[in-house]
C-alpha atoms as a PDB file:
ATOM      1  CA  UNK A   1     -36.716   4.053   4.318  1.00  0.00           C
ATOM      2  CA  UNK A   2     -39.423   2.678   1.586  1.00  0.00           C
ATOM      3  CA  UNK A   3     -43.188   3.607   0.655  1.00  0.00           C
ATOM      4  CA  UNK A   4     -43.781  -0.597   0.547  1.00  0.00           C
ATOM      5  CA  UNK A   5     -41.545  -2.050   2.712  1.00  0.00           C
ATOM      6  CA  UNK A   6     -43.090  -5.092   0.396  1.00  0.00           C
ATOM      7  CA  UNK A   7     -41.882  -3.619  -3.132  1.00  0.00           C
ATOM      8  CA  UNK A   8     -38.573  -2.648  -1.386  1.00  0.00           C
ATOM      9  CA  UNK A   9     -38.258  -6.109   0.315  1.00  0.00           C
ATOM     10  CA  UNK A  10     -38.566  -7.752  -3.567  1.00  0.00           C
ATOM     11  CA  UNK A  11     -36.389  -5.665  -4.784  1.00  0.00           C
ATOM     12  CA  UNK A  12     -33.554  -5.932  -2.127  1.00  0.00           C
ATOM     13  CA  UNK A  13     -34.180  -9.632  -2.091  1.00  0.00           C
ATOM     14  CA  UNK A  14     -33.204 -10.280  -5.543  1.00  0.00           C
ATOM     15  CA  UNK A  15     -30.383  -8.007  -5.771  1.00  0.00           C
ATOM     16  CA  UNK A  16     -28.769 -10.306  -2.323  1.00  0.00           C
ATOM     17  CA  UNK A  17     -28.997  -7.023   0.127  1.00  0.00           C
ATOM     18  CA  UNK A  18     -29.925  -7.224   3.936  1.00  0.00           C
ATOM     19  CA  UNK A  19     -31.019  -4.603   5.150  1.00  0.00           C
ATOM     20  CA  UNK A  20     -33.631  -3.099   7.968  1.00  0.00           C
ATOM     21  CA  UNK A  21     -37.082  -1.242   6.200  1.00  0.00           C
ATOM     22  CA  UNK A  22     -38.829   1.237   7.442  1.00  0.00           C
ATOM     23  CA  UNK A  23     -41.134   2.745   5.779  1.00  0.00           C
ATOM     24  CA  UNK A  24     -42.668   5.947   5.142  1.00  0.00           C
ATOM     25  CA  UNK A  25     -44.927   7.174   2.921  1.00  0.00           C
ATOM     26  CA  UNK A  26     -47.647  10.107   3.021  1.00  0.00           C
ATOM     27  CA  UNK A  27     -49.395   9.310   5.940  1.00  0.00           C
ATOM     28  CA  UNK A  28     -46.377   9.052   8.262  1.00  0.00           C
ATOM     29  CA  UNK A  29     -43.389  11.256   6.375  1.00  0.00           C
ATOM     30  CA  UNK A  30     -44.580  14.226   8.913  1.00  0.00           C
ATOM     31  CA  UNK A  31     -44.543  12.721  11.942  1.00  0.00           C
ATOM     32  CA  UNK A  32     -40.802  10.297  11.377  1.00  0.00           C
ATOM     33  CA  UNK A  33     -38.107  13.329   9.191  1.00  0.00           C
ATOM     34  CA  UNK A  34     -37.508  15.031  12.483  1.00  0.00           C
ATOM     35  CA  UNK A  35     -36.685  11.840  13.933  1.00  0.00           C
ATOM     36  CA  UNK A  36     -35.001  10.509  10.841  1.00  0.00           C
ATOM     37  CA  UNK A  37     -32.720  13.843  10.363  1.00  0.00           C
ATOM     38  CA  UNK A  38     -31.283  13.783  13.907  1.00  0.00           C
ATOM     39  CA  UNK A  39     -30.130   9.884  13.839  1.00  0.00           C
ATOM     40  CA  UNK A  40     -28.108  11.170  10.020  1.00  0.00           C
ATOM     41  CA  UNK A  41     -26.905  14.285  12.093  1.00  0.00           C
ATOM     42  CA  UNK A  42     -25.579  11.586  14.298  1.00  0.00           C
ATOM     43  CA  UNK A  43     -24.315   9.930  11.872  1.00  0.00           C
ATOM     44  CA  UNK A  44     -26.102   7.018  10.007  1.00  0.00           C
ATOM     45  CA  UNK A  45     -26.704   6.340   7.255  1.00  0.00           C
ATOM     46  CA  UNK A  46     -30.110   6.121   5.692  1.00  0.00           C
ATOM     47  CA  UNK A  47     -31.464   5.267   1.792  1.00  0.00           C
ATOM     48  CA  UNK A  48     -34.772   6.558   0.922  1.00  0.00           C
ATOM     49  CA  UNK A  49     -36.586   4.644  -2.083  1.00  0.00           C
ATOM     50  CA  UNK A  50     -40.480   4.480  -3.514  1.00  0.00           C
ATOM     51  CA  UNK A  51     -42.153   2.420  -5.081  1.00  0.00           C
ATOM     52  CA  UNK A  52     -41.208   3.206  -8.708  1.00  0.00           C
ATOM     53  CA  UNK A  53     -39.842   6.339 -10.166  1.00  0.00           C
ATOM     54  CA  UNK A  54     -38.261   9.044  -7.947  1.00  0.00           C
ATOM     55  CA  UNK A  55     -39.160  10.540  -4.808  1.00  0.00           C
ATOM     56  CA  UNK A  56     -41.253  14.125  -4.352  1.00  0.00           C
ATOM     57  CA  UNK A  57     -41.894  13.444  -7.843  1.00  0.00           C
ATOM     58  CA  UNK A  58     -45.378  13.499  -7.019  1.00  0.00           C
ATOM     59  CA  UNK A  59     -44.225  10.870  -3.931  1.00  0.00           C
ATOM     60  CA  UNK A  60     -43.366  11.206  -0.526  1.00  0.00           C
ATOM     61  CA  UNK A  61     -39.831  12.004  -0.062  1.00  0.00           C
ATOM     62  CA  UNK A  62     -40.010  15.656   0.586  1.00  0.00           C
ATOM     63  CA  UNK A  63     -40.635  16.915   4.011  1.00  0.00           C
ATOM     64  CA  UNK A  64     -38.041  14.157   5.056  1.00  0.00           C
ATOM     65  CA  UNK A  65     -34.962  15.568   2.395  1.00  0.00           C
ATOM     66  CA  UNK A  66     -36.021  18.959   3.727  1.00  0.00           C
ATOM     67  CA  UNK A  67     -35.382  17.970   7.542  1.00  0.00           C
ATOM     68  CA  UNK A  68     -32.058  16.516   6.365  1.00  0.00           C
ATOM     69  CA  UNK A  69     -31.161  19.641   4.385  1.00  0.00           C
ATOM     70  CA  UNK A  70     -32.187  22.062   7.663  1.00  0.00           C
ATOM     71  CA  UNK A  71     -29.836  19.693   9.983  1.00  0.00           C
ATOM     72  CA  UNK A  72     -27.117  20.532   7.247  1.00  0.00           C
ATOM     73  CA  UNK A  73     -26.436  16.643   6.447  1.00  0.00           C
ATOM     74  CA  UNK A  74     -25.923  15.504   2.940  1.00  0.00           C
ATOM     75  CA  UNK A  75     -28.346  14.786   0.403  1.00  0.00           C
ATOM     76  CA  UNK A  76     -27.047  12.528  -2.449  1.00  0.00           C
ATOM     77  CA  UNK A  77     -29.701  11.532  -5.003  1.00  0.00           C
ATOM     78  CA  UNK A  78     -29.286   8.692  -7.223  1.00  0.00           C
ATOM     79  CA  UNK A  79     -31.698   9.015  -9.809  1.00  0.00           C
ATOM     80  CA  UNK A  80     -33.633   5.425 -10.949  1.00  0.00           C
ATOM     81  CA  UNK A  81     -35.984   6.029 -13.876  1.00  0.00           C
ATOM     82  CA  UNK A  82     -38.722   8.619 -13.737  1.00  0.00           C
ATOM     83  CA  UNK A  83     -41.764   8.381 -15.752  1.00  0.00           C
ATOM     84  CA  UNK A  84     -42.496  12.374 -16.994  1.00  0.00           C
ATOM     85  CA  UNK A  85     -38.847  12.064 -18.300  1.00  0.00           C
ATOM     86  CA  UNK A  86     -38.899   8.476 -19.854  1.00  0.00           C
ATOM     87  CA  UNK A  87     -42.576   9.064 -21.135  1.00  0.00           C
ATOM     88  CA  UNK A  88     -41.516  12.466 -23.184  1.00  0.00           C
ATOM     89  CA  UNK A  89     -38.988  10.613 -24.708  1.00  0.00           C
ATOM     90  CA  UNK A  90     -41.079   7.462 -25.963  1.00  0.00           C
ATOM     91  CA  UNK A  91     -44.003   9.958 -27.095  1.00  0.00           C
ATOM     92  CA  UNK A  92     -41.762  10.843 -29.865  1.00  0.00           C
ATOM     93  CA  UNK A  93     -42.962  13.945 -29.912  1.00  0.00           C
ATOM     94  CA  UNK A  94     -41.072  17.245 -31.139  1.00  0.00           C
ATOM     95  CA  UNK A  95     -40.849  18.966 -27.537  1.00  0.00           C
ATOM     96  CA  UNK A  96     -37.629  20.542 -26.296  1.00  0.00           C
ATOM     97  CA  UNK A  97     -39.501  22.192 -23.409  1.00  0.00           C
ATOM     98  CA  UNK A  98     -42.695  21.148 -21.538  1.00  0.00           C
ATOM     99  CA  UNK A  99     -44.451  21.590 -18.715  1.00  0.00           C
ATOM    100  CA  UNK A 100     -44.704  19.351 -16.013  1.00  0.00           C
ATOM    101  CA  UNK A 101     -48.171  19.714 -14.131  1.00  0.00           C
ATOM    102  CA  UNK A 102     -48.132  16.705 -11.951  1.00  0.00           C
ATOM    103  CA  UNK A 103     -51.616  14.723 -10.992  1.00  0.00           C
ATOM    104  CA  UNK A 104     -54.218  16.623 -13.416  1.00  0.00           C
ATOM    105  CA  UNK A 105     -57.187  18.236 -11.324  1.00  0.00           C
ATOM    106  CA  UNK A 106     -60.368  16.571 -10.739  1.00  0.00           C
ATOM    107  CA  UNK A 107     -62.713  19.539 -11.112  1.00  0.00           C
ATOM    108  CA  UNK A 108     -63.985  19.059 -14.204  1.00  0.00           C
ATOM    109  CA  UNK A 109     -63.586  23.615 -15.019  1.00  0.00           C
ATOM    110  CA  UNK A 110     -59.543  22.968 -13.344  1.00  0.00           C
ATOM    111  CA  UNK A 111     -59.033  19.412 -15.904  1.00  0.00           C
ATOM    112  CA  UNK A 112     -60.453  22.248 -19.368  1.00  0.00           C
ATOM    113  CA  UNK A 113     -58.585  25.261 -18.025  1.00  0.00           C
ATOM    114  CA  UNK A 114     -55.009  23.205 -17.454  1.00  0.00           C
ATOM    115  CA  UNK A 115     -55.499  21.080 -20.815  1.00  0.00           C
ATOM    116  CA  UNK A 116     -56.250  24.470 -23.136  1.00  0.00           C
ATOM    117  CA  UNK A 117     -52.584  25.580 -22.001  1.00  0.00           C
ATOM    118  CA  UNK A 118     -50.487  25.648 -25.616  1.00  0.00           C
ATOM    119  CA  UNK A 119     -47.035  24.625 -24.543  1.00  0.00           C
ATOM    120  CA  UNK A 120     -46.430  20.971 -24.429  1.00  0.00           C
ATOM    121  CA  UNK A 121     -47.133  19.593 -21.054  1.00  0.00           C
ATOM    122  CA  UNK A 122     -46.227  16.081 -18.891  1.00  0.00           C
ATOM    123  CA  UNK A 123     -49.199  15.088 -16.497  1.00  0.00           C
ATOM    124  CA  UNK A 124     -50.135  11.741 -14.527  1.00  0.00           C
ATOM    125  CA  UNK A 125     -53.489  10.409 -14.808  1.00  0.00           C
ATOM    126  CA  UNK A 126     -56.202   7.829 -13.080  1.00  0.00           C
ATOM    127  CA  UNK A 127     -56.725   5.073 -15.325  1.00  0.00           C
ATOM    128  CA  UNK A 128     -60.672   5.713 -13.863  1.00  0.00           C
ATOM    129  CA  UNK A 129     -60.131   8.938 -15.801  1.00  0.00           C
ATOM    130  CA  UNK A 130     -58.555   9.202 -18.655  1.00  0.00           C
ATOM    131  CA  UNK A 131     -61.264   8.411 -21.522  1.00  0.00           C
ATOM    132  CA  UNK A 132     -62.983  11.960 -19.399  1.00  0.00           C
ATOM    133  CA  UNK A 133     -59.475  13.733 -20.118  1.00  0.00           C
ATOM    134  CA  UNK A 134     -59.085  12.381 -23.478  1.00  0.00           C
ATOM    135  CA  UNK A 135     -62.483  13.310 -24.850  1.00  0.00           C
ATOM    136  CA  UNK A 136     -62.284  17.137 -23.406  1.00  0.00           C
ATOM    137  CA  UNK A 137     -58.651  17.129 -24.605  1.00  0.00           C
ATOM    138  CA  UNK A 138     -59.953  16.131 -27.878  1.00  0.00           C
ATOM    139  CA  UNK A 139     -63.059  18.993 -27.696  1.00  0.00           C
ATOM    140  CA  UNK A 140     -60.146  21.619 -27.117  1.00  0.00           C
ATOM    141  CA  UNK A 141     -58.143  20.597 -29.947  1.00  0.00           C
ATOM    142  CA  UNK A 142     -58.942  17.374 -31.683  1.00  0.00           C
ATOM    143  CA  UNK A 143     -55.780  17.448 -33.628  1.00  0.00           C
ATOM    144  CA  UNK A 144     -52.933  17.720 -31.024  1.00  0.00           C
ATOM    145  CA  UNK A 145     -50.682  15.178 -30.859  1.00  0.00           C
ATOM    146  CA  UNK A 146     -50.923  13.105 -27.642  1.00  0.00           C
ATOM    147  CA  UNK A 147     -49.288   9.805 -25.925  1.00  0.00           C
ATOM    148  CA  UNK A 148     -50.641   7.742 -23.434  1.00  0.00           C
ATOM    149  CA  UNK A 149     -47.666   5.654 -21.794  1.00  0.00           C
ATOM    150  CA  UNK A 150     -48.564   3.211 -19.035  1.00  0.00           C
ATOM    151  CA  UNK A 151     -46.807   1.397 -16.598  1.00  0.00           C
ATOM    152  CA  UNK A 152     -43.375   2.109 -17.986  1.00  0.00           C
ATOM    153  CA  UNK A 153     -40.717   0.102 -17.338  1.00  0.00           C
ATOM    154  CA  UNK A 154     -42.685  -2.578 -16.015  1.00  0.00           C
ATOM    155  CA  UNK A 155     -43.431  -5.379 -17.649  1.00  0.00           C
ATOM    156  CA  UNK A 156     -46.795  -4.225 -19.393  1.00  0.00           C
ATOM    157  CA  UNK A 157     -45.394  -0.891 -20.919  1.00  0.00           C
ATOM    158  CA  UNK A 158     -47.842   0.452 -23.367  1.00  0.00           C
ATOM    159  CA  UNK A 159     -47.910   4.409 -25.432  1.00  0.00           C
ATOM    160  CA  UNK A 160     -50.258   4.734 -27.374  1.00  0.00           C
ATOM    161  CA  UNK A 161     -49.787   8.238 -30.062  1.00  0.00           C
ATOM    162  CA  UNK A 162     -52.109   9.947 -32.312  1.00  0.00           C
ATOM    163  CA  UNK A 163     -53.919  12.703 -32.338  1.00  0.00           C
ATOM    164  CA  UNK A 164     -56.387  13.746 -29.550  1.00  0.00           C
ATOM    165  CA  UNK A 165     -59.492  12.538 -31.805  1.00  0.00           C
ATOM    166  CA  UNK A 166     -57.561   8.909 -32.358  1.00  0.00           C
ATOM    167  CA  UNK A 167     -56.170   8.027 -28.788  1.00  0.00           C
ATOM    168  CA  UNK A 168     -59.393   9.011 -27.123  1.00  0.00           C
ATOM    169  CA  UNK A 169     -61.221   6.696 -29.422  1.00  0.00           C
ATOM    170  CA  UNK A 170     -58.954   3.528 -28.533  1.00  0.00           C
ATOM    171  CA  UNK A 171     -59.087   4.362 -24.627  1.00  0.00           C
ATOM    172  CA  UNK A 172     -63.078   5.016 -25.487  1.00  0.00           C
ATOM    173  CA  UNK A 173     -63.454   1.836 -25.635  1.00  0.00           C
ATOM    174  CA  UNK A 174     -61.724  -0.073 -23.026  1.00  0.00           C
ATOM    175  CA  UNK A 175     -60.460   1.004 -19.644  1.00  0.00           C
ATOM    176  CA  UNK A 176     -56.625   0.652 -18.646  1.00  0.00           C
ATOM    177  CA  UNK A 177     -55.431   0.019 -15.583  1.00  0.00           C
ATOM    178  CA  UNK A 178     -51.755   1.387 -14.084  1.00  0.00           C
ATOM    179  CA  UNK A 179     -49.796   3.885 -13.633  1.00  0.00           C
ATOM    180  CA  UNK A 180     -50.460   6.423 -16.225  1.00  0.00           C
ATOM    181  CA  UNK A 181     -48.505   9.654 -17.978  1.00  0.00           C
ATOM    182  CA  UNK A 182     -49.993  11.675 -20.597  1.00  0.00           C
ATOM    183  CA  UNK A 183     -47.879  13.039 -23.330  1.00  0.00           C
ATOM    184  CA  UNK A 184     -49.314  16.690 -24.681  1.00  0.00           C
ATOM    185  CA  UNK A 185     -47.204  18.060 -27.479  1.00  0.00           C
ATOM    186  CA  UNK A 186     -48.046  21.932 -28.625  1.00  0.00           C
ATOM    187  CA  UNK A 187     -51.397  23.676 -28.962  1.00  0.00           C
ATOM    188  CA  UNK A 188     -52.435  25.754 -31.124  1.00  0.00           C
ATOM    189  CA  UNK A 189     -52.979  29.156 -30.261  1.00  0.00           C
ATOM    190  CA  UNK A 190     -55.855  30.747 -29.193  1.00  0.00           C
ATOM    191  CA  UNK A 191     -57.019  33.662 -31.459  1.00  0.00           C
ATOM    192  CA  UNK A 192     -55.842  36.060 -28.287  1.00  0.00           C
ATOM    193  CA  UNK A 193     -53.189  34.317 -27.779  1.00  0.00           C
ATOM    194  CA  UNK A 194     -52.509  34.403 -32.047  1.00  0.00           C
ATOM    195  CA  UNK A 195     -53.111  38.392 -31.514  1.00  0.00           C
ATOM    196  CA  UNK A 196     -50.862  38.878 -28.508  1.00  0.00           C
ATOM    197  CA  UNK A 197     -48.272  37.463 -30.297  1.00  0.00           C
ATOM    198  CA  UNK A 198     -48.855  40.093 -33.106  1.00  0.00           C
ATOM    199  CA  UNK A 199     -48.399  42.785 -30.618  1.00  0.00           C
ATOM    200  CA  UNK A 200     -45.625  41.147 -29.316  1.00  0.00           C
ATOM    201  CA  UNK A 201     -44.094  41.083 -33.282  1.00  0.00           C
ATOM    202  CA  UNK A 202     -44.825  44.583 -33.760  1.00  0.00           C
ATOM    203  CA  UNK A 203     -42.919  45.308 -29.983  1.00  0.00           C
ATOM    204  CA  UNK A 204     -39.836  43.640 -30.833  1.00  0.00           C
ATOM    205  CA  UNK A 205     -39.855  45.477 -33.797  1.00  0.00           C
ATOM    206  CA  UNK A 206     -39.912  49.142 -32.340  1.00  0.00           C
ATOM    207  CA  UNK A 207     -37.107  47.809 -30.391  1.00  0.00           C
ATOM    208  CA  UNK A 208     -38.313  45.879 -27.227  1.00  0.00           C
ATOM    209  CA  UNK A 209     -37.087  42.256 -25.765  1.00  0.00           C
ATOM    210  CA  UNK A 210     -39.581  39.549 -26.480  1.00  0.00           C
ATOM    211  CA  UNK A 211     -39.562  38.063 -22.452  1.00  0.00           C
ATOM    212  CA  UNK A 212     -41.129  41.310 -21.051  1.00  0.00           C
ATOM    213  CA  UNK A 213     -43.150  42.373 -24.234  1.00  0.00           C
ATOM    214  CA  UNK A 214     -44.690  39.654 -24.034  1.00  0.00           C
ATOM    215  CA  UNK A 215     -45.307  39.430 -20.294  1.00  0.00           C
ATOM    216  CA  UNK A 216     -46.957  43.155 -20.848  1.00  0.00           C
ATOM    217  CA  UNK A 217     -49.159  42.045 -23.828  1.00  0.00           C
ATOM    218  CA  UNK A 218     -50.173  38.598 -21.751  1.00  0.00           C
ATOM    219  CA  UNK A 219     -51.223  41.063 -18.780  1.00  0.00           C
ATOM    220  CA  UNK A 220     -53.612  42.974 -20.911  1.00  0.00           C
ATOM    221  CA  UNK A 221     -55.322  40.440 -23.414  1.00  0.00           C
ATOM    222  CA  UNK A 222     -55.355  38.723 -20.080  1.00  0.00           C
ATOM    223  CA  UNK A 223     -53.774  35.312 -20.487  1.00  0.00           C
ATOM    224  CA  UNK A 224     -49.999  33.438 -19.154  1.00  0.00           C
ATOM    225  CA  UNK A 225     -46.904  34.960 -20.295  1.00  0.00           C
ATOM    226  CA  UNK A 226     -45.538  31.968 -21.094  1.00  0.00           C
ATOM    227  CA  UNK A 227     -48.665  31.189 -23.618  1.00  0.00           C
ATOM    228  CA  UNK A 228     -47.944  34.113 -25.308  1.00  0.00           C
ATOM    229  CA  UNK A 229     -44.087  34.442 -25.748  1.00  0.00           C
ATOM    230  CA  UNK A 230     -43.666  30.990 -26.238  1.00  0.00           C
ATOM    231  CA  UNK A 231     -46.597  31.438 -29.306  1.00  0.00           C
ATOM    232  CA  UNK A 232     -44.240  34.407 -30.419  1.00  0.00           C
ATOM    233  CA  UNK A 233     -41.314  31.947 -30.335  1.00  0.00           C
ATOM    234  CA  UNK A 234     -42.897  28.750 -32.201  1.00  0.00           C
ATOM    235  CA  UNK A 235     -43.894  31.475 -34.736  1.00  0.00           C
ATOM    236  CA  UNK A 236     -40.578  32.641 -35.062  1.00  0.00           C
ATOM    237  CA  UNK A 237     -39.359  29.136 -35.959  1.00  0.00           C
ATOM    238  CA  UNK A 238     -41.527  28.220 -38.641  1.00  0.00           C
ATOM    239  CA  UNK A 239     -41.238  31.923 -40.255  1.00  0.00           C
ATOM    240  CA  UNK A 240     -39.305  31.290 -43.833  1.00  0.00           C
ATOM    241  CA  UNK A 241     -36.135  32.246 -43.478  1.00  0.00           C
ATOM    242  CA  UNK A 242     -35.238  35.955 -45.161  1.00  0.00           C
ATOM    243  CA  UNK A 243     -31.918  36.446 -46.978  1.00  0.00           C
ATOM    244  CA  UNK A 244     -29.712  38.937 -46.148  1.00  0.00           C
ATOM    245  CA  UNK A 245     -28.093  41.411 -48.715  1.00  0.00           C
END
């Protein structure tokens, strides 16, 4: 089962594998999944391959996998290169925890809200919209660390690193081609989040646990719990070590 039989056919030809290929993509997956699951139930073994990356990670495959699981058949995953993971490593940014947000929204309002999150995140973006997205990010926080990763694991792989302003300037002059992953590092907490961190500190000092305290404070100030909690964690990491006597 292939997202594109031509692409998978080229790969199998290189490996000397001859096998029947059937297309399974976003336009026909819903119609074909149940019948394929029935074939697995009858004892057949099928393989699912996406054009690049990993099935279900912004690629087709979820409906088929769900149908096979519902039929109480075995699903085995042999992962190939996932663009999100490759980009995090290639970015060179110090981010142990991050959020994958998939494709960025097209609406300017929703885009600005997504880019304003303070925790590190990884997103897919269209080459046509990349310059605009970077411009918005640079406006929100000019010094935020960013990496634009293009055509990862392919012949024309490219990684551009720098601040949001530096990277935005580079792509303002040219339109890139191919698949793009945007890696955005830690952001500066907004004033409300900073105030929320102070409130969490006070609650923790009074004996509360940090995560529940962050949830309460976030609800009161109208911010996401993760933003307040991550801000509190970052503040703890950057606080000078105390000597205990």
